[in-house]
Every structure is written in structure tokens, then in C-alpha cells.
Amino acid sequence: MSVLPPDLPRLQTLITYLRGELGRAEQALAAAEEREAATVRQQPAPESQAWLVERGIGAGRLPARLHTGDCWDARKRCVPAAAEQVRRLLA
């Protein structure tokens, strides 16, 4: 059972109304996306970590390598490291 009217004039009126509502919804969406983009542009880029520790593969996941924060070879297994942790690993 349809909730739409069966006659042509009311269907045309409904279509006209829905097109107007769709236009207003699209405008609201565009405005919200622009506000979101402006907010993202205003936020500073996250500061990169000075040091990264790359963990090994396996159950223990011991530290395998030490990388500088801007290293080109940093992988998915890298986690940020504090200066004290870096000193302990190098000792």
C-alpha cells in the first residue's frame, strides 16, 4: 500500500515540494562541509615525534629499530618514543 496520492495534480505538487526540500538539504550539506573544511584548515598540523621505536614481529614484540621522527623508513609497527625510552634502548 502506497502513501502517495493517486491523482496527478497532488503528485506533481508533492514532486515540486520535494525538489525544493532536496535543494535546501543540499545547500545545508554544502554549508556544513565548508564549515568542516574551514575548521580543519585552521587546525595546526600535528607535530611529528622526535623518535620512533619499531617493534618486531611476534608475541614479545621487542624493539627492533630506532627511527628519527622524520625517517622515510618508518613503518606501521613504529610507535612514538619519549627521550628517556630512547636513552634506555641505546644504552
N, C-alpha and C. Protein backbone atom coordinates (compact mmCIF):
# COMPACT_ATOMS: atom_id res chain seq x y z
N MET A 1 0.83 -1.18 0.00
CA MET A 1 0.00 0.00 0.00
C MET A 1 0.88 1.24 0.00
N SER A 2 0.67 2.13 -0.92
CA SER A 2 1.47 3.33 -1.08
C SER A 2 0.85 4.48 -0.29
N VAL A 3 1.70 5.33 0.26
CA VAL A 3 1.22 6.51 0.97
C VAL A 3 1.15 7.71 0.04
N LEU A 4 1.51 7.53 -1.22
CA LEU A 4 1.47 8.62 -2.19
C LEU A 4 0.05 8.80 -2.72
N PRO A 5 -0.31 10.05 -3.03
CA PRO A 5 -1.65 10.28 -3.58
C PRO A 5 -1.75 9.69 -4.99
N PRO A 6 -2.93 9.22 -5.37
CA PRO A 6 -3.07 8.56 -6.66
C PRO A 6 -3.27 9.54 -7.84
N ASP A 7 -3.69 10.76 -7.55
CA ASP A 7 -4.03 11.66 -8.67
C ASP A 7 -2.84 12.52 -9.09
N LEU A 8 -2.85 12.91 -10.36
CA LEU A 8 -1.76 13.64 -10.99
C LEU A 8 -1.48 15.01 -10.35
N PRO A 9 -2.45 15.86 -10.09
CA PRO A 9 -2.14 17.19 -9.53
C PRO A 9 -1.44 17.12 -8.17
N ARG A 10 -1.90 16.22 -7.30
CA ARG A 10 -1.25 16.13 -5.98
C ARG A 10 0.14 15.52 -6.10
N LEU A 11 0.35 14.58 -7.01
CA LEU A 11 1.68 14.02 -7.23
C LEU A 11 2.65 15.09 -7.74
N GLN A 12 2.17 15.92 -8.67
CA GLN A 12 3.02 17.00 -9.19
C GLN A 12 3.38 17.99 -8.08
N THR A 13 2.40 18.31 -7.25
CA THR A 13 2.65 19.22 -6.13
C THR A 13 3.67 18.61 -5.17
N LEU A 14 3.53 17.35 -4.87
CA LEU A 14 4.45 16.65 -3.98
C LEU A 14 5.88 16.65 -4.55
N ILE A 15 6.01 16.38 -5.85
CA ILE A 15 7.32 16.38 -6.50
C ILE A 15 7.95 17.77 -6.43
N THR A 16 7.17 18.81 -6.68
CA THR A 16 7.67 20.18 -6.61
C THR A 16 8.17 20.49 -5.19
N TYR A 17 7.38 20.10 -4.21
CA TYR A 17 7.76 20.33 -2.81
C TYR A 17 9.05 19.57 -2.47
N LEU A 18 9.13 18.32 -2.85
CA LEU A 18 10.30 17.51 -2.53
C LEU A 18 11.57 18.02 -3.23
N ARG A 19 11.43 18.51 -4.45
CA ARG A 19 12.59 19.10 -5.14
C ARG A 19 13.10 20.32 -4.37
N GLY A 20 12.17 21.14 -3.87
CA GLY A 20 12.57 22.30 -3.07
C GLY A 20 13.28 21.89 -1.79
N GLU A 21 12.74 20.88 -1.12
CA GLU A 21 13.36 20.39 0.11
C GLU A 21 14.73 19.79 -0.17
N LEU A 22 14.85 19.07 -1.28
CA LEU A 22 16.14 18.49 -1.64
C LEU A 22 17.17 19.59 -1.89
N GLY A 23 16.75 20.64 -2.58
CA GLY A 23 17.65 21.77 -2.82
C GLY A 23 18.12 22.41 -1.53
N ARG A 24 17.20 22.62 -0.58
CA ARG A 24 17.57 23.19 0.71
C ARG A 24 18.48 22.25 1.49
N ALA A 25 18.23 20.96 1.42
CA ALA A 25 19.09 19.99 2.12
C ALA A 25 20.49 19.97 1.50
N GLU A 26 20.57 20.06 0.18
CA GLU A 26 21.88 20.09 -0.48
C GLU A 26 22.65 21.35 -0.12
N GLN A 27 21.96 22.49 -0.02
CA GLN A 27 22.62 23.74 0.39
C GLN A 27 23.13 23.63 1.83
N ALA A 28 22.32 23.05 2.71
CA ALA A 28 22.74 22.89 4.10
C ALA A 28 23.95 21.96 4.19
N LEU A 29 23.95 20.90 3.38
CA LEU A 29 25.08 19.97 3.36
C LEU A 29 26.34 20.67 2.88
N ALA A 30 26.25 21.45 1.83
CA ALA A 30 27.40 22.18 1.30
C ALA A 30 27.95 23.16 2.33
N ALA A 31 27.06 23.85 3.03
CA ALA A 31 27.49 24.79 4.06
C ALA A 31 28.19 24.06 5.21
N ALA A 32 27.64 22.92 5.63
CA ALA A 32 28.26 22.15 6.70
C ALA A 32 29.63 21.61 6.28
N GLU A 33 29.75 21.15 5.04
CA GLU A 33 31.05 20.67 4.55
C GLU A 33 32.06 21.80 4.50
N GLU A 34 31.63 23.00 4.11
CA GLU A 34 32.54 24.14 4.06
C GLU A 34 33.00 24.54 5.46
N ARG A 35 32.07 24.51 6.43
CA ARG A 35 32.45 24.82 7.81
C ARG A 35 33.46 23.79 8.32
N GLU A 36 33.23 22.53 8.02
CA GLU A 36 34.15 21.47 8.45
C GLU A 36 35.53 21.66 7.81
N ALA A 37 35.56 21.97 6.53
CA ALA A 37 36.84 22.19 5.84
C ALA A 37 37.56 23.39 6.42
N ALA A 38 36.83 24.45 6.75
CA ALA A 38 37.46 25.64 7.34
C ALA A 38 38.03 25.31 8.71
N THR A 39 37.33 24.51 9.49
CA THR A 39 37.83 24.11 10.80
C THR A 39 39.11 23.29 10.66
N VAL A 40 39.14 22.37 9.71
CA VAL A 40 40.33 21.55 9.50
C VAL A 40 41.50 22.40 9.04
N ARG A 41 41.24 23.38 8.18
CA ARG A 41 42.31 24.25 7.69
C ARG A 41 42.90 25.09 8.81
N GLN A 42 42.11 25.45 9.81
CA GLN A 42 42.58 26.30 10.89
C GLN A 42 43.41 25.55 11.91
N GLN A 43 43.24 24.23 12.00
CA GLN A 43 43.98 23.46 12.98
C GLN A 43 45.42 23.27 12.51
N PRO A 44 46.39 23.44 13.41
CA PRO A 44 47.78 23.24 13.01
C PRO A 44 48.04 21.76 12.74
N ALA A 45 49.01 21.51 11.89
CA ALA A 45 49.38 20.12 11.59
C ALA A 45 49.97 19.49 12.84
N PRO A 46 49.70 18.21 13.08
CA PRO A 46 50.25 17.56 14.26
C PRO A 46 51.78 17.54 14.19
N GLU A 47 52.38 17.81 15.32
CA GLU A 47 53.84 17.83 15.39
C GLU A 47 54.37 16.41 15.34
N SER A 48 55.38 16.18 14.51
CA SER A 48 55.93 14.83 14.41
C SER A 48 56.76 14.53 15.65
N GLN A 49 56.81 13.27 16.01
CA GLN A 49 57.57 12.83 17.16
C GLN A 49 59.06 12.89 16.84
N ALA A 50 59.88 13.13 17.83
CA ALA A 50 61.32 13.20 17.62
C ALA A 50 61.90 11.81 17.36
N TRP A 51 61.35 10.80 18.02
CA TRP A 51 61.86 9.44 17.90
C TRP A 51 60.71 8.45 17.76
N LEU A 52 60.97 7.38 17.01
CA LEU A 52 60.00 6.30 16.83
C LEU A 52 60.71 4.98 17.12
N VAL A 53 60.03 4.09 17.82
CA VAL A 53 60.56 2.76 18.07
C VAL A 53 59.78 1.79 17.21
N GLU A 54 60.50 1.01 16.42
CA GLU A 54 59.86 -0.01 15.59
C GLU A 54 59.89 -1.33 16.35
N ARG A 55 58.73 -1.89 16.56
CA ARG A 55 58.62 -3.16 17.28
C ARG A 55 58.78 -4.31 16.30
N GLY A 56 59.32 -5.41 16.80
CA GLY A 56 59.48 -6.60 15.98
C GLY A 56 58.17 -7.33 15.79
N ILE A 57 58.23 -8.44 15.08
CA ILE A 57 57.05 -9.26 14.83
C ILE A 57 57.05 -10.40 15.84
N GLY A 58 55.90 -10.73 16.36
CA GLY A 58 55.80 -11.88 17.25
C GLY A 58 55.15 -11.51 18.56
N ALA A 59 55.09 -12.49 19.44
CA ALA A 59 54.37 -12.34 20.70
C ALA A 59 55.02 -11.28 21.60
N GLY A 60 56.35 -11.30 21.70
CA GLY A 60 57.03 -10.37 22.59
C GLY A 60 57.12 -8.97 22.04
N ARG A 61 57.18 -8.84 20.73
CA ARG A 61 57.28 -7.56 20.02
C ARG A 61 58.33 -6.65 20.66
N LEU A 62 59.55 -7.17 20.75
CA LEU A 62 60.66 -6.40 21.30
C LEU A 62 61.05 -5.29 20.33
N PRO A 63 61.66 -4.22 20.85
CA PRO A 63 62.12 -3.15 19.96
C PRO A 63 63.15 -3.68 18.96
N ALA A 64 62.98 -3.37 17.70
CA ALA A 64 63.88 -3.85 16.67
C ALA A 64 64.74 -2.74 16.11
N ARG A 65 64.18 -1.56 15.91
CA ARG A 65 64.91 -0.43 15.33
C ARG A 65 64.46 0.87 16.00
N LEU A 66 65.32 1.86 15.87
CA LEU A 66 65.02 3.19 16.35
C LEU A 66 65.07 4.14 15.16
N HIS A 67 64.05 4.97 14.99
CA HIS A 67 63.97 5.89 13.85
C HIS A 67 63.82 7.31 14.37
N THR A 68 64.32 8.28 13.60
CA THR A 68 64.01 9.68 13.91
C THR A 68 62.57 9.92 13.45
N GLY A 69 61.97 10.96 13.97
CA GLY A 69 60.56 11.23 13.67
C GLY A 69 60.27 11.48 12.20
N ASP A 70 61.25 12.00 11.46
CA ASP A 70 61.03 12.29 10.05
C ASP A 70 61.63 11.23 9.13
N CYS A 71 61.91 10.05 9.67
CA CYS A 71 62.54 8.98 8.88
C CYS A 71 61.62 8.51 7.76
N TRP A 72 62.19 8.32 6.58
CA TRP A 72 61.42 7.86 5.44
C TRP A 72 61.07 6.37 5.56
N ASP A 73 61.78 5.64 6.42
CA ASP A 73 61.60 4.20 6.50
C ASP A 73 60.75 3.79 7.71
N ALA A 74 60.07 4.73 8.35
CA ALA A 74 59.21 4.39 9.48
C ALA A 74 58.04 3.55 8.98
N ARG A 75 57.77 2.46 9.68
CA ARG A 75 56.75 1.52 9.22
C ARG A 75 55.54 1.51 10.13
N LYS A 76 54.60 0.60 9.85
CA LYS A 76 53.37 0.52 10.63
C LYS A 76 53.63 0.10 12.07
N ARG A 77 54.72 -0.61 12.31
CA ARG A 77 54.98 -1.11 13.66
C ARG A 77 55.69 -0.08 14.52
N CYS A 78 55.84 1.15 14.04
CA CYS A 78 56.52 2.20 14.79
C CYS A 78 55.56 2.89 15.74
N VAL A 79 56.07 3.17 16.93
CA VAL A 79 55.29 3.90 17.93
C VAL A 79 56.16 5.05 18.44
N PRO A 80 55.55 6.18 18.83
CA PRO A 80 56.32 7.29 19.35
C PRO A 80 57.06 6.89 20.62
N ALA A 81 58.24 7.46 20.81
CA ALA A 81 59.05 7.14 21.98
C ALA A 81 59.50 8.43 22.66
N ALA A 82 59.49 8.40 23.98
CA ALA A 82 59.99 9.53 24.76
C ALA A 82 61.51 9.49 24.79
N ALA A 83 62.11 10.63 25.11
CA ALA A 83 63.57 10.72 25.12
C ALA A 83 64.18 9.73 26.10
N GLU A 84 63.58 9.56 27.26
CA GLU A 84 64.12 8.63 28.26
C GLU A 84 64.08 7.19 27.74
N GLN A 85 63.03 6.81 27.05
CA GLN A 85 62.94 5.47 26.49
C GLN A 85 64.01 5.25 25.43
N VAL A 86 64.28 6.27 24.63
CA VAL A 86 65.31 6.18 23.60
C VAL A 86 66.68 5.98 24.25
N ARG A 87 66.95 6.72 25.32
CA ARG A 87 68.23 6.57 26.04
C ARG A 87 68.40 5.15 26.57
N ARG A 88 67.33 4.59 27.15
CA ARG A 88 67.40 3.21 27.67
C ARG A 88 67.66 2.21 26.55
N LEU A 89 67.01 2.42 25.41
CA LEU A 89 67.20 1.48 24.30
C LEU A 89 68.61 1.55 23.73
N LEU A 90 69.21 2.72 23.71
CA LEU A 90 70.55 2.88 23.17
C LEU A 90 71.63 2.42 24.15
N ALA A 91 71.29 2.39 25.43
CA ALA A 91 72.30 2.01 26.44
C ALA A 91 72.62 0.53 26.38
